[in-house]
Every structure is written in C-alpha cells, then in structure tokens.
PDB file of N, CA and C in Angstrom:
ATOM      1  N   UNK A   1      89.561  88.283 108.536  1.00  0.00           N
ATOM      2  CA  UNK A   1      89.153  89.080 107.150  1.00  0.00           C
ATOM      3  C   UNK A   1      90.323  89.212 106.346  1.00  0.00           C
ATOM      4  N   UNK A   2      90.313  88.624 105.166  1.00  0.00           N
ATOM      5  CA  UNK A   2      90.866  89.032 103.972  1.00  0.00           C
ATOM      6  C   UNK A   2      91.438  90.418 103.385  1.00  0.00           C
ATOM      7  N   UNK A   3      92.421  91.038 103.819  1.00  0.00           N
ATOM      8  CA  UNK A   3      92.703  92.486 103.623  1.00  0.00           C
ATOM      9  C   UNK A   3      93.516  92.775 102.149  1.00  0.00           C
ATOM     10  N   UNK A   4      94.627  91.968 102.028  1.00  0.00           N
ATOM     11  CA  UNK A   4      95.426  92.431 101.213  1.00  0.00           C
ATOM     12  C   UNK A   4      95.293  91.669  99.816  1.00  0.00           C
ATOM     13  N   UNK A   5      95.320  92.379  98.660  1.00  0.00           N
ATOM     14  CA  UNK A   5      95.369  91.939  97.009  1.00  0.00           C
ATOM     15  C   UNK A   5      93.992  90.966  96.981  1.00  0.00           C
ATOM     16  N   UNK A   6      92.837  91.844  97.016  1.00  0.00           N
ATOM     17  CA  UNK A   6      91.635  91.283  96.695  1.00  0.00           C
ATOM     18  C   UNK A   6      91.435  90.935  95.274  1.00  0.00           C
ATOM     19  N   UNK A   7      90.889  90.088  95.015  1.00  0.00           N
ATOM     20  CA  UNK A   7      90.761  89.471  93.908  1.00  0.00           C
ATOM     21  C   UNK A   7      90.079  90.546  92.825  1.00  0.00           C
ATOM     22  N   UNK A   8      89.088  91.303  93.228  1.00  0.00           N
ATOM     23  CA  UNK A   8      88.241  92.173  92.590  1.00  0.00           C
ATOM     24  C   UNK A   8      89.162  93.459  92.182  1.00  0.00           C
ATOM     25  N   UNK A   9      90.238  93.271  92.831  1.00  0.00           N
ATOM     26  CA  UNK A   9      91.290  94.651  92.257  1.00  0.00           C
ATOM     27  C   UNK A   9      92.152  94.158  91.497  1.00  0.00           C
ATOM     28  N   UNK A  10      92.283  92.952  91.005  1.00  0.00           N
ATOM     29  CA  UNK A  10      93.551  92.598  90.503  1.00  0.00           C
ATOM     30  C   UNK A  10      93.675  93.209  88.944  1.00  0.00           C
ATOM     31  N   UNK A  11      92.352  93.208  88.347  1.00  0.00           N
ATOM     32  CA  UNK A  11      92.800  94.132  87.019  1.00  0.00           C
ATOM     33  C   UNK A  11      93.389  95.451  87.258  1.00  0.00           C
ATOM     34  N   UNK A  12      92.674  95.837  88.082  1.00  0.00           N
ATOM     35  CA  UNK A  12      93.224  97.636  88.546  1.00  0.00           C
ATOM     36  C   UNK A  12      94.483  97.790  88.769  1.00  0.00           C
ATOM     37  N   UNK A  13      94.967  96.798  89.622  1.00  0.00           N
ATOM     38  CA  UNK A  13      96.429  96.774  89.849  1.00  0.00           C
ATOM     39  C   UNK A  13      97.144  96.652  88.731  1.00  0.00           C
ATOM     40  N   UNK A  14      97.004  95.850  87.974  1.00  0.00           N
ATOM     41  CA  UNK A  14      97.941  95.351  86.852  1.00  0.00           C
ATOM     42  C   UNK A  14      97.641  96.629  85.913  1.00  0.00           C
ATOM     43  N   UNK A  15      96.404  97.161  85.740  1.00  0.00           N
ATOM     44  CA  UNK A  15      96.655  98.525  84.742  1.00  0.00           C
ATOM     45  C   UNK A  15      97.546  99.776  85.524  1.00  0.00           C
ATOM     46  N   UNK A  16      97.429  99.601  86.809  1.00  0.00           N
ATOM     47  CA  UNK A  16      98.298 100.918  87.494  1.00  0.00           C
ATOM     48  C   UNK A  16      99.871 100.578  87.291  1.00  0.00           C
ATOM     49  N   UNK A  17      99.844  99.334  87.302  1.00  0.00           N
ATOM     50  CA  UNK A  17     101.469  98.899  87.333  1.00  0.00           C
ATOM     51  C   UNK A  17     101.825  99.330  86.044  1.00  0.00           C
ATOM     52  N   UNK A  18     101.263  99.092  85.106  1.00  0.00           N
ATOM     53  CA  UNK A  18     101.824  99.152  83.581  1.00  0.00           C
ATOM     54  C   UNK A  18     101.728 100.517  83.447  1.00  0.00           C
ATOM     55  N   UNK A  19     101.013 101.766  84.239  1.00  0.00           N
ATOM     56  CA  UNK A  19     101.098 102.987  83.689  1.00  0.00           C
ATOM     57  C   UNK A  19     101.610 103.958  84.742  1.00  0.00           C
ATOM     58  N   UNK A  20     102.896 103.499  85.441  1.00  0.00           N
ATOM     59  CA  UNK A  20     103.236 104.408  86.439  1.00  0.00           C
ATOM     60  C   UNK A  20     103.704 105.707  86.125  1.00  0.00           C
ATOM     61  N   UNK A  21     103.623 106.693  87.108  1.00  0.00           N
ATOM     62  CA  UNK A  21     103.886 107.965  86.984  1.00  0.00           C
ATOM     63  C   UNK A  21     105.340 108.146  86.780  1.00  0.00           C
ATOM     64  N   UNK A  22     106.145 109.105  86.287  1.00  0.00           N
ATOM     65  CA  UNK A  22     107.518 109.570  86.195  1.00  0.00           C
ATOM     66  C   UNK A  22     107.777 109.173  87.610  1.00  0.00           C
ATOM     67  N   UNK A  23     107.256 109.856  88.766  1.00  0.00           N
ATOM     68  CA  UNK A  23     107.670 109.942  90.055  1.00  0.00           C
ATOM     69  C   UNK A  23     107.690 108.200  90.378  1.00  0.00           C
ATOM     70  N   UNK A  24     106.701 107.733  90.226  1.00  0.00           N
ATOM     71  CA  UNK A  24     106.764 106.394  90.440  1.00  0.00           C
ATOM     72  C   UNK A  24     107.254 105.689  90.098  1.00  0.00           C
ATOM     73  N   UNK A  25     108.036 105.635  88.962  1.00  0.00           N
ATOM     74  CA  UNK A  25     108.920 104.869  88.465  1.00  0.00           C
ATOM     75  C   UNK A  25     110.435 105.200  88.656  1.00  0.00           C
ATOM     76  N   UNK A  26     110.706 106.462  89.034  1.00  0.00           N
ATOM     77  CA  UNK A  26     111.958 106.851  89.573  1.00  0.00           C
ATOM     78  C   UNK A  26     111.912 106.320  90.744  1.00  0.00           C
ATOM     79  N   UNK A  27     110.969 106.153  91.896  1.00  0.00           N
ATOM     80  CA  UNK A  27     111.505 105.736  93.078  1.00  0.00           C
ATOM     81  C   UNK A  27     111.113 104.245  93.209  1.00  0.00           C
ATOM     82  N   UNK A  28     110.457 103.542  92.225  1.00  0.00           N
ATOM     83  CA  UNK A  28     110.407 102.341  92.196  1.00  0.00           C
ATOM     84  C   UNK A  28     111.657 101.335  92.019  1.00  0.00           C
ATOM     85  N   UNK A  29     112.644 102.050  91.069  1.00  0.00           N
ATOM     86  CA  UNK A  29     113.965 101.924  90.894  1.00  0.00           C
ATOM     87  C   UNK A  29     114.758 101.692  92.027  1.00  0.00           C
ATOM     88  N   UNK A  30     114.712 102.527  93.242  1.00  0.00           N
ATOM     89  CA  UNK A  30     115.246 102.500  94.237  1.00  0.00           C
ATOM     90  C   UNK A  30     114.620 101.518  95.743  1.00  0.00           C
ATOM     91  N   UNK A  31     113.239 100.951  94.962  1.00  0.00           N
ATOM     92  CA  UNK A  31     112.658 100.460  96.132  1.00  0.00           C
ATOM     93  C   UNK A  31     112.346  98.551  95.743  1.00  0.00           C
ATOM     94  N   UNK A  32     112.776  98.626  94.400  1.00  0.00           N
ATOM     95  CA  UNK A  32     112.703  97.321  93.829  1.00  0.00           C
ATOM     96  C   UNK A  32     113.948  96.279  94.231  1.00  0.00           C
ATOM     97  N   UNK A  33     113.655  95.135  94.251  1.00  0.00           N
ATOM     98  CA  UNK A  33     114.644  94.093  94.373  1.00  0.00           C
ATOM     99  C   UNK A  33     115.093  94.341  95.961  1.00  0.00           C
ATOM    100  N   UNK A  34     114.382  94.921  96.731  1.00  0.00           N
ATOM    101  CA  UNK A  34     114.954  95.099  97.999  1.00  0.00           C
ATOM    102  C   UNK A  34     116.185  95.577  98.453  1.00  0.00           C
ATOM    103  N   UNK A  35     116.297  96.699  97.499  1.00  0.00           N
ATOM    104  CA  UNK A  35     117.502  97.564  97.434  1.00  0.00           C
ATOM    105  C   UNK A  35     117.544  98.706  98.531  1.00  0.00           C
ATOM    106  N   UNK A  36     116.401  99.096  99.009  1.00  0.00           N
ATOM    107  CA  UNK A  36     116.453 100.061 100.387  1.00  0.00           C
ATOM    108  C   UNK A  36     116.733  99.215 101.481  1.00  0.00           C
ATOM    109  N   UNK A  37     117.733  98.954 102.392  1.00  0.00           N
ATOM    110  CA  UNK A  37     117.650  98.387 103.516  1.00  0.00           C
ATOM    111  C   UNK A  37     117.291  96.902 103.317  1.00  0.00           C
ATOM    112  N   UNK A  38     117.278  96.154 102.554  1.00  0.00           N
ATOM    113  CA  UNK A  38     116.891  95.068 102.263  1.00  0.00           C
ATOM    114  C   UNK A  38     115.590  94.474 102.386  1.00  0.00           C
ATOM    115  N   UNK A  39     114.607  95.735 102.508  1.00  0.00           N
ATOM    116  CA  UNK A  39     113.284  95.892 102.635  1.00  0.00           C
ATOM    117  C   UNK A  39     112.655  95.459 101.276  1.00  0.00           C
ATOM    118  N   UNK A  40     111.503  94.636 101.077  1.00  0.00           N
ATOM    119  CA  UNK A  40     110.986  94.201  99.859  1.00  0.00           C
ATOM    120  C   UNK A  40     109.643  95.010  99.931  1.00  0.00           C
ATOM    121  N   UNK A  41     109.680  95.703  98.872  1.00  0.00           N
ATOM    122  CA  UNK A  41     108.622  96.537  98.702  1.00  0.00           C
ATOM    123  C   UNK A  41     107.587  95.928  97.669  1.00  0.00           C
ATOM    124  N   UNK A  42     106.415  96.195  97.556  1.00  0.00           N
ATOM    125  CA  UNK A  42     105.429  95.765  96.344  1.00  0.00           C
ATOM    126  C   UNK A  42     104.848  97.113  95.756  1.00  0.00           C
ATOM    127  N   UNK A  43     104.756  97.106  94.502  1.00  0.00           N
ATOM    128  CA  UNK A  43     104.153  98.204  93.692  1.00  0.00           C
ATOM    129  C   UNK A  43     102.731  97.967  93.595  1.00  0.00           C
ATOM    130  N   UNK A  44     101.754  98.912  93.585  1.00  0.00           N
ATOM    131  CA  UNK A  44     100.238  98.788  93.263  1.00  0.00           C
ATOM    132  C   UNK A  44      99.858  97.395  94.009  1.00  0.00           C
ATOM    133  N   UNK A  45      99.889  97.526  95.197  1.00  0.00           N
ATOM    134  CA  UNK A  45      99.684  96.622  95.952  1.00  0.00           C
ATOM    135  C   UNK A  45      98.482  97.185  96.845  1.00  0.00           C
ATOM    136  N   UNK A  46      97.185  96.128  96.927  1.00  0.00           N
ATOM    137  CA  UNK A  46      95.916  96.702  97.416  1.00  0.00           C
ATOM    138  C   UNK A  46      95.677  96.372  98.732  1.00  0.00           C
ATOM    139  N   UNK A  47      95.166  97.026  99.652  1.00  0.00           N
ATOM    140  CA  UNK A  47      94.791  96.977 100.915  1.00  0.00           C
ATOM    141  C   UNK A  47      93.583  97.235 101.360  1.00  0.00           C
ATOM    142  N   UNK A  48      92.411  96.249 101.687  1.00  0.00           N
ATOM    143  CA  UNK A  48      91.250  96.504 101.561  1.00  0.00           C
ATOM    144  C   UNK A  48      90.761  97.167 100.100  1.00  0.00           C
ATOM    145  N   UNK A  49      89.814  98.266 100.191  1.00  0.00           N
ATOM    146  CA  UNK A  49      89.478  98.721  98.848  1.00  0.00           C
ATOM    147  C   UNK A  49      90.316  99.740  97.971  1.00  0.00           C
ATOM    148  N   UNK A  50      91.845  99.879  98.941  1.00  0.00           N
ATOM    149  CA  UNK A  50      92.742 100.850  98.258  1.00  0.00           C
ATOM    150  C   UNK A  50      93.760 100.153  97.428  1.00  0.00           C
ATOM    151  N   UNK A  51      94.492 100.775  96.537  1.00  0.00           N
ATOM    152  CA  UNK A  51      95.521 100.332  95.862  1.00  0.00           C
ATOM    153  C   UNK A  51      96.590 101.304  96.484  1.00  0.00           C
ATOM    154  N   UNK A  52      97.522 100.874  97.172  1.00  0.00           N
ATOM    155  CA  UNK A  52      98.661 101.575  97.411  1.00  0.00           C
ATOM    156  C   UNK A  52      99.855 101.797  96.255  1.00  0.00           C
ATOM    157  N   UNK A  53     100.478 102.999  95.970  1.00  0.00           N
ATOM    158  CA  UNK A  53     101.565 102.983  95.259  1.00  0.00           C
ATOM    159  C   UNK A  53     102.609 101.788  95.755  1.00  0.00           C
ATOM    160  N   UNK A  54     102.871 101.801  96.825  1.00  0.00           N
ATOM    161  CA  UNK A  54     104.140 101.191  97.588  1.00  0.00           C
ATOM    162  C   UNK A  54     104.020 100.404  98.749  1.00  0.00           C
ATOM    163  N   UNK A  55     103.926  99.116  98.973  1.00  0.00           N
ATOM    164  CA  UNK A  55     103.729  98.626 100.474  1.00  0.00           C
ATOM    165  C   UNK A  55     105.140  97.719 100.706  1.00  0.00           C
ATOM    166  N   UNK A  56     105.358  97.951 101.894  1.00  0.00           N
ATOM    167  CA  UNK A  56     106.454  97.003 102.569  1.00  0.00           C
ATOM    168  C   UNK A  56     105.963  96.394 103.551  1.00  0.00           C
ATOM    169  N   UNK A  57     105.537  95.167 103.229  1.00  0.00           N
ATOM    170  CA  UNK A  57     105.059  93.998 104.283  1.00  0.00           C
ATOM    171  C   UNK A  57     105.525  93.875 105.624  1.00  0.00           C
ATOM    172  N   UNK A  58     107.106  93.826 105.678  1.00  0.00           N
ATOM    173  CA  UNK A  58     107.635  93.599 106.825  1.00  0.00           C
ATOM    174  C   UNK A  58     107.722  94.901 108.069  1.00  0.00           C
ATOM    175  N   UNK A  59     107.509  95.845 107.547  1.00  0.00           N
ATOM    176  CA  UNK A  59     107.436  97.049 108.061  1.00  0.00           C
ATOM    177  C   UNK A  59     105.642  97.919 108.064  1.00  0.00           C
ATOM    178  N   UNK A  60     105.040  97.212 107.444  1.00  0.00           N
ATOM    179  CA  UNK A  60     103.612  97.490 107.430  1.00  0.00           C
ATOM    180  C   UNK A  60     103.701  98.868 107.059  1.00  0.00           C
ATOM    181  N   UNK A  61     104.216  99.413 105.722  1.00  0.00           N
ATOM    182  CA  UNK A  61     104.155 100.687 105.666  1.00  0.00           C
ATOM    183  C   UNK A  61     103.752 100.886 104.013  1.00  0.00           C
ATOM    184  N   UNK A  62     102.678 101.741 104.198  1.00  0.00           N
ATOM    185  CA  UNK A  62     102.422 102.309 103.018  1.00  0.00           C
ATOM    186  C   UNK A  62     103.129 103.453 102.314  1.00  0.00           C
ATOM    187  N   UNK A  63     103.473 103.753 100.690  1.00  0.00           N
ATOM    188  CA  UNK A  63     104.063 104.903 100.605  1.00  0.00           C
ATOM    189  C   UNK A  63     103.271 105.152  99.355  1.00  0.00           C
ATOM    190  N   UNK A  64     103.029 106.706  99.521  1.00  0.00           N
ATOM    191  CA  UNK A  64     101.814 107.096  98.705  1.00  0.00           C
ATOM    192  C   UNK A  64     102.642 108.647  98.020  1.00  0.00           C
ATOM    193  N   UNK A  65     102.509 108.774  96.828  1.00  0.00           N
ATOM    194  CA  UNK A  65     103.028 109.623  95.885  1.00  0.00           C
ATOM    195  C   UNK A  65     101.761 110.425  95.260  1.00  0.00           C
ATOM    196  N   UNK A  66     101.449 111.758  95.851  1.00  0.00           N
ATOM    197  CA  UNK A  66     100.689 112.758  95.362  1.00  0.00           C
ATOM    198  C   UNK A  66     101.027 113.870  94.373  1.00  0.00           C
ATOM    199  N   UNK A  67     100.266 113.923  93.539  1.00  0.00           N
ATOM    200  CA  UNK A  67     100.375 115.074  92.732  1.00  0.00           C
ATOM    201  C   UNK A  67      99.401 115.937  92.579  1.00  0.00           C
ATOM    202  N   UNK A  68      99.400 116.949  91.686  1.00  0.00           N
ATOM    203  CA  UNK A  68      98.388 117.928  91.482  1.00  0.00           C
ATOM    204  C   UNK A  68      96.758 117.461  91.733  1.00  0.00           C
ATOM    205  N   UNK A  69      96.450 116.625  91.582  1.00  0.00           N
ATOM    206  CA  UNK A  69      95.033 116.035  91.806  1.00  0.00           C
ATOM    207  C   UNK A  69      94.788 115.741  93.139  1.00  0.00           C
ATOM    208  N   UNK A  70      95.752 115.913  94.132  1.00  0.00           N
ATOM    209  CA  UNK A  70      95.496 115.904  95.575  1.00  0.00           C
ATOM    210  C   UNK A  70      95.426 116.992  96.170  1.00  0.00           C
ATOM    211  N   UNK A  71      95.541 118.052  95.297  1.00  0.00           N
ATOM    212  CA  UNK A  71      95.594 119.550  96.118  1.00  0.00           C
ATOM    213  C   UNK A  71      94.244 119.786  96.338  1.00  0.00           C
ATOM    214  N   UNK A  72      93.163 119.381  96.042  1.00  0.00           N
ATOM    215  CA  UNK A  72      91.835 120.287  96.299  1.00  0.00           C
ATOM    216  C   UNK A  72      91.120 119.254  97.435  1.00  0.00           C
ATOM    217  N   UNK A  73      90.135 120.042  98.225  1.00  0.00           N
ATOM    218  CA  UNK A  73      89.606 119.396  99.332  1.00  0.00           C
ATOM    219  C   UNK A  73      89.160 117.997  99.280  1.00  0.00           C
ATOM    220  N   UNK A  74      88.237 117.680  98.018  1.00  0.00           N
ATOM    221  CA  UNK A  74      87.580 116.531  97.961  1.00  0.00           C
ATOM    222  C   UNK A  74      88.600 115.207  98.086  1.00  0.00           C
ATOM    223  N   UNK A  75      89.890 115.531  97.541  1.00  0.00           N
ATOM    224  CA  UNK A  75      90.693 114.864  97.207  1.00  0.00           C
ATOM    225  C   UNK A  75      91.616 114.401  98.978  1.00  0.00           C
ATOM    226  N   UNK A  76      92.043 115.485  99.224  1.00  0.00           N
ATOM    227  CA  UNK A  76      92.527 115.306 100.452  1.00  0.00           C
ATOM    228  C   UNK A  76      91.430 114.642 101.463  1.00  0.00           C
ATOM    229  N   UNK A  77      90.155 114.914 101.592  1.00  0.00           N
ATOM    230  CA  UNK A  77      89.236 113.949 102.417  1.00  0.00           C
ATOM    231  C   UNK A  77      89.450 112.486 101.979  1.00  0.00           C
ATOM    232  N   UNK A  78      89.541 112.443 100.846  1.00  0.00           N
ATOM    233  CA  UNK A  78      89.715 110.948 100.361  1.00  0.00           C
ATOM    234  C   UNK A  78      90.931 110.376 101.019  1.00  0.00           C
ATOM    235  N   UNK A  79      91.895 111.328 100.883  1.00  0.00           N
ATOM    236  CA  UNK A  79      93.257 110.837 101.377  1.00  0.00           C
ATOM    237  C   UNK A  79      93.210 110.573 102.708  1.00  0.00           C
ATOM    238  N   UNK A  80      92.309 111.458 103.695  1.00  0.00           N
ATOM    239  CA  UNK A  80      92.318 111.143 105.004  1.00  0.00           C
ATOM    240  C   UNK A  80      91.690 109.784 105.201  1.00  0.00           C
ATOM    241  N   UNK A  81      90.719 109.675 104.563  1.00  0.00           N
ATOM    242  CA  UNK A  81      89.649 108.279 104.735  1.00  0.00           C
ATOM    243  C   UNK A  81      90.506 107.124 104.553  1.00  0.00           C
ATOM    244  N   UNK A  82      91.454 107.225 103.407  1.00  0.00           N
ATOM    245  CA  UNK A  82      92.407 106.328 103.375  1.00  0.00           C
ATOM    246  C   UNK A  82      93.143 105.871 104.195  1.00  0.00           C
ATOM    247  N   UNK A  83      94.088 106.838 104.826  1.00  0.00           N
ATOM    248  CA  UNK A  83      94.924 107.172 105.814  1.00  0.00           C
ATOM    249  C   UNK A  83      94.517 106.208 106.980  1.00  0.00           C
ATOM    250  N   UNK A  84      93.197 106.730 107.170  1.00  0.00           N
ATOM    251  CA  UNK A  84      92.605 106.182 108.728  1.00  0.00           C
ATOM    252  C   UNK A  84      92.427 104.881 108.235  1.00  0.00           C
ATOM    253  N   UNK A  85      91.764 104.272 107.077  1.00  0.00           N
ATOM    254  CA  UNK A  85      91.378 102.806 107.031  1.00  0.00           C
ATOM    255  C   UNK A  85      92.806 101.942 107.388  1.00  0.00           C
ATOM    256  N   UNK A  86      93.596 102.671 106.449  1.00  0.00           N
ATOM    257  CA  UNK A  86      95.200 101.778 106.525  1.00  0.00           C
ATOM    258  C   UNK A  86      95.412 101.754 108.232  1.00  0.00           C
ATOM    259  N   UNK A  87      95.871 102.863 108.788  1.00  0.00           N
ATOM    260  CA  UNK A  87      95.875 103.036 110.198  1.00  0.00           C
ATOM    261  C   UNK A  87      95.365 102.097 111.048  1.00  0.00           C
ATOM    262  N   UNK A  88      93.782 101.799 110.785  1.00  0.00           N
ATOM    263  CA  UNK A  88      92.985 101.029 111.789  1.00  0.00           C
ATOM    264  C   UNK A  88      93.383  99.492 111.539  1.00  0.00           C
ATOM    265  N   UNK A  89      93.934  99.282 110.144  1.00  0.00           N
ATOM    266  CA  UNK A  89      94.320  98.236 109.764  1.00  0.00           C
ATOM    267  C   UNK A  89      96.136  97.741 110.297  1.00  0.00           C
ATOM    268  N   UNK A  90      96.447  98.717 110.875  1.00  0.00           N
ATOM    269  CA  UNK A  90      97.824  98.578 111.307  1.00  0.00           C
ATOM    270  C   UNK A  90      98.795  99.060 110.249  1.00  0.00           C
ATOM    271  N   UNK A  91      98.585  99.734 109.290  1.00  0.00           N
ATOM    272  CA  UNK A  91      99.804 100.274 108.168  1.00  0.00           C
ATOM    273  C   UNK A  91      99.933 101.584 108.324  1.00  0.00           C
ATOM    274  N   UNK A  92     101.344 102.167 108.383  1.00  0.00           N
ATOM    275  CA  UNK A  92     101.528 103.147 108.505  1.00  0.00           C
ATOM    276  C   UNK A  92     101.437 104.070 107.159  1.00  0.00           C
ATOM    277  N   UNK A  93     101.124 105.037 106.753  1.00  0.00           N
ATOM    278  CA  UNK A  93     101.386 105.735 105.595  1.00  0.00           C
ATOM    279  C   UNK A  93     102.302 107.058 105.286  1.00  0.00           C
ATOM    280  N   UNK A  94     102.953 106.710 104.407  1.00  0.00           N
ATOM    281  CA  UNK A  94     103.976 107.815 104.400  1.00  0.00           C
ATOM    282  C   UNK A  94     103.737 108.317 102.925  1.00  0.00           C
ATOM    283  N   UNK A  95     103.584 109.849 102.741  1.00  0.00           N
ATOM    284  CA  UNK A  95     103.024 110.314 101.757  1.00  0.00           C
ATOM    285  C   UNK A  95     104.104 111.639 101.041  1.00  0.00           C
ATOM    286  N   UNK A  96     104.259 111.433  99.959  1.00  0.00           N
ATOM    287  CA  UNK A  96     105.330 112.344  99.177  1.00  0.00           C
ATOM    288  C   UNK A  96     104.709 113.228  98.078  1.00  0.00           C
ATOM    289  N   UNK A  97     105.154 114.145  97.778  1.00  0.00           N
ATOM    290  CA  UNK A  97     104.622 114.979  96.641  1.00  0.00           C
ATOM    291  C   UNK A  97     105.421 114.502  95.373  1.00  0.00           C
ATOM    292  N   UNK A  98     104.925 114.070  94.329  1.00  0.00           N
ATOM    293  CA  UNK A  98     105.635 113.749  93.047  1.00  0.00           C
ATOM    294  C   UNK A  98     106.768 114.614  92.991  1.00  0.00           C
ATOM    295  N   UNK A  99     106.723 115.965  93.311  1.00  0.00           N
ATOM    296  CA  UNK A  99     107.705 116.600  92.806  1.00  0.00           C
ATOM    297  C   UNK A  99     109.148 116.604  93.790  1.00  0.00           C
ATOM    298  N   UNK A 100     108.497 115.896  95.070  1.00  0.00           N
ATOM    299  CA  UNK A 100     110.240 115.676  95.875  1.00  0.00           C
ATOM    300  C   UNK A 100     110.823 114.635  95.423  1.00  0.00           C
ATOM    301  N   UNK A 101     109.864 113.625  94.967  1.00  0.00           N
ATOM    302  CA  UNK A 101     110.545 112.517  94.347  1.00  0.00           C
ATOM    303  C   UNK A 101     111.573 112.769  93.189  1.00  0.00           C
ATOM    304  N   UNK A 102     111.227 114.023  92.322  1.00  0.00           N
ATOM    305  CA  UNK A 102     111.751 114.482  90.939  1.00  0.00           C
ATOM    306  C   UNK A 102     113.082 115.046  91.688  1.00  0.00           C
ATOM    307  N   UNK A 103     112.917 115.817  92.864  1.00  0.00           N
ATOM    308  CA  UNK A 103     113.956 116.948  92.962  1.00  0.00           C
ATOM    309  C   UNK A 103     114.568 116.697  94.359  1.00  0.00           C
ATOM    310  N   UNK A 104     113.985 115.438  95.196  1.00  0.00           N
ATOM    311  CA  UNK A 104     114.971 115.413  96.042  1.00  0.00           C
ATOM    312  C   UNK A 104     114.866 114.163  96.670  1.00  0.00           C
ATOM    313  N   UNK A 105     115.023 113.146  95.720  1.00  0.00           N
ATOM    314  CA  UNK A 105     114.851 111.717  96.059  1.00  0.00           C
ATOM    315  C   UNK A 105     115.393 111.223  97.070  1.00  0.00           C
ATOM    316  N   UNK A 106     116.872 111.604  97.183  1.00  0.00           N
ATOM    317  CA  UNK A 106     117.667 111.017  98.788  1.00  0.00           C
ATOM    318  C   UNK A 106     116.848 111.559  99.765  1.00  0.00           C
ATOM    319  N   UNK A 107     116.384 112.898 100.135  1.00  0.00           N
ATOM    320  CA  UNK A 107     115.582 113.083 101.173  1.00  0.00           C
ATOM    321  C   UNK A 107     114.535 112.330 101.144  1.00  0.00           C
ATOM    322  N   UNK A 108     113.508 111.955 100.389  1.00  0.00           N
ATOM    323  CA  UNK A 108     112.634 110.859 100.248  1.00  0.00           C
ATOM    324  C   UNK A 108     112.924 109.616 100.976  1.00  0.00           C
ATOM    325  N   UNK A 109     113.990 108.986 100.089  1.00  0.00           N
ATOM    326  CA  UNK A 109     114.625 107.853 100.953  1.00  0.00           C
ATOM    327  C   UNK A 109     114.984 107.729 102.114  1.00  0.00           C
ATOM    328  N   UNK A 110     115.578 108.829 102.714  1.00  0.00           N
ATOM    329  CA  UNK A 110     116.181 109.148 103.958  1.00  0.00           C
ATOM    330  C   UNK A 110     114.764 108.933 105.006  1.00  0.00           C
ATOM    331  N   UNK A 111     113.741 109.768 104.465  1.00  0.00           N
ATOM    332  CA  UNK A 111     112.648 109.745 105.254  1.00  0.00           C
ATOM    333  C   UNK A 111     111.773 108.303 105.337  1.00  0.00           C
ATOM    334  N   UNK A 112     112.181 107.201 104.371  1.00  0.00           N
ATOM    335  CA  UNK A 112     111.361 106.317 104.021  1.00  0.00           C
ATOM    336  C   UNK A 112     112.252 105.481 105.444  1.00  0.00           C
ATOM    337  N   UNK A 113     113.522 105.296 104.890  1.00  0.00           N
ATOM    338  CA  UNK A 113     114.756 104.678 106.180  1.00  0.00           C
ATOM    339  C   UNK A 113     114.397 104.895 107.460  1.00  0.00           C
ATOM    340  N   UNK A 114     113.909 106.501 107.599  1.00  0.00           N
ATOM    341  CA  UNK A 114     113.500 106.807 109.209  1.00  0.00           C
ATOM    342  C   UNK A 114     112.508 106.286 109.747  1.00  0.00           C
ATOM    343  N   UNK A 115     111.443 105.683 108.902  1.00  0.00           N
ATOM    344  CA  UNK A 115     110.259 104.852 109.227  1.00  0.00           C
ATOM    345  C   UNK A 115     110.505 103.701 109.523  1.00  0.00           C
ATOM    346  N   UNK A 116     111.338 103.157 109.363  1.00  0.00           N
ATOM    347  CA  UNK A 116     111.580 101.595 109.439  1.00  0.00           C
ATOM    348  C   UNK A 116     111.668 101.472 110.966  1.00  0.00           C
ATOM    349  N   UNK A 117     111.091 100.385 111.602  1.00  0.00           N
ATOM    350  CA  UNK A 117     111.138  99.895 113.002  1.00  0.00           C
ATOM    351  C   UNK A 117     111.988  99.049 113.201  1.00  0.00           C
ATOM    352  N   UNK A 118     112.434  98.351 112.500  1.00  0.00           N
ATOM    353  CA  UNK A 118     113.108  97.029 112.691  1.00  0.00           C
ATOM    354  C   UNK A 118     114.655  97.466 111.915  1.00  0.00           C
ATOM    355  N   UNK A 119     115.529  97.074 112.605  1.00  0.00           N
ATOM    356  CA  UNK A 119     117.131  97.227 112.324  1.00  0.00           C
ATOM    357  C   UNK A 119     117.383  96.522 110.848  1.00  0.00           C
TER     358      UNK A 119
END
C-alpha cells in the first residue's frame, strides 16, 4: 500500500508549506539541508491521510508542532488517532508546543536528537 505523499494531498501540502507558522519556520531553519546530525527532513510530508509538519524518512520520525488549537478535547482525540495511525505505520511521533520552539529551541533540538536510533 502506498502511504507517503498521496497525490490527492499535494495541493494541501503546498498550501501548508507556503503558510508555515512562526514556530514551524523557526524549527525548519535548523532541520533543512540535513543540518541536524546529517538527517534529511521534509516539511509538510503526508503519510496516509495526514500531513505531518516534519518527517525524517531515515529515522521514521514525525515532528508535530502544536499550538493552542490542540488544547481542546476534540483536537487531542484527533491527535491521538493520528499518532496511533502513524505508530501502526512504523512512524514515531514527537510532539512539541509552538511555545517550546520559540522559547527553548535547543531543548527541542536535543530531544529530537535523543530520539534518533542510528548513529
């Protein structure tokens, strides 16, 4: 089964890449061009029906940045459903608050590094 970058999500991925949040743009500066431990990251990469904020194919790790919209119960249930789908597809999800990226970027980058499985 084809899982990644499904054609029907191409327009949505492009829209999201063109309108990154401030936190996404800040983190992307440190993930792009394999700057973090030589790992290639993709932004707004889709897996199944979900568009991931960032995805590292070699580590099979998704990074999701959550803002205030994720604080309500319905959004948290959707996040849990998404995480379960990704876990079943062999993709680990790391979640960070937008505020963490803005105030403690080095801590976020350290946590991402800590979750790399290959040297």
